[in-house]
Amino acid sequence: MSARSKSRKRALDILFGADIRQVPIAAMLDEEAGRAAANPQRESSWPYAREIVEGVESHLADIDAEIEAHAQGWPLERMPALDRAIARLATWEILYNDEVPDAVAISEAVESATVLSTEDSAGFLNGLLGGITRAKGTIG
């Protein structure tokens, strides 16, 4: 697994945990920062994970608006919490991180959903994120 993939997984854990526990993202980020300091062997995945989580947190309202606009009848509160976290992470990469090609962000999100979520999640997220990408005016 690449360092960026590990970072995405770590960021996903933080975003999902904040949602499930109904605590601020910043609180979960602080908890993970403590774990990162205590586990230097995990250091390589920490900087990008932190960048993702901080990016999602600072753009959350816009990210959620984009997701809702492209979710075709699935309000955020009806989505499984894991799918919501995956969608937020990938939407941040698509809209705010020019270093990650859109196709990579979508592929990583679909892979996460395939491995971690429901049977229908991968297809749903693929369509959702494809719509966000098209609306952004780029092609993968």
Foldseek 3Di string as FASTA:
>chain_A
DDLQLLLLVVLLVLQLVCVVVVHQSVVSLVVVVVVCVVDVVNVSSPPVNSVLSVLCNVCVVVLQVLLCVQLVPQRLVNDDSSLSSLSSSLSSCLPPNPVDPNVRSLVSSLVCCVPPHDPCSSVSSNRSSCVSNVVVPDDD
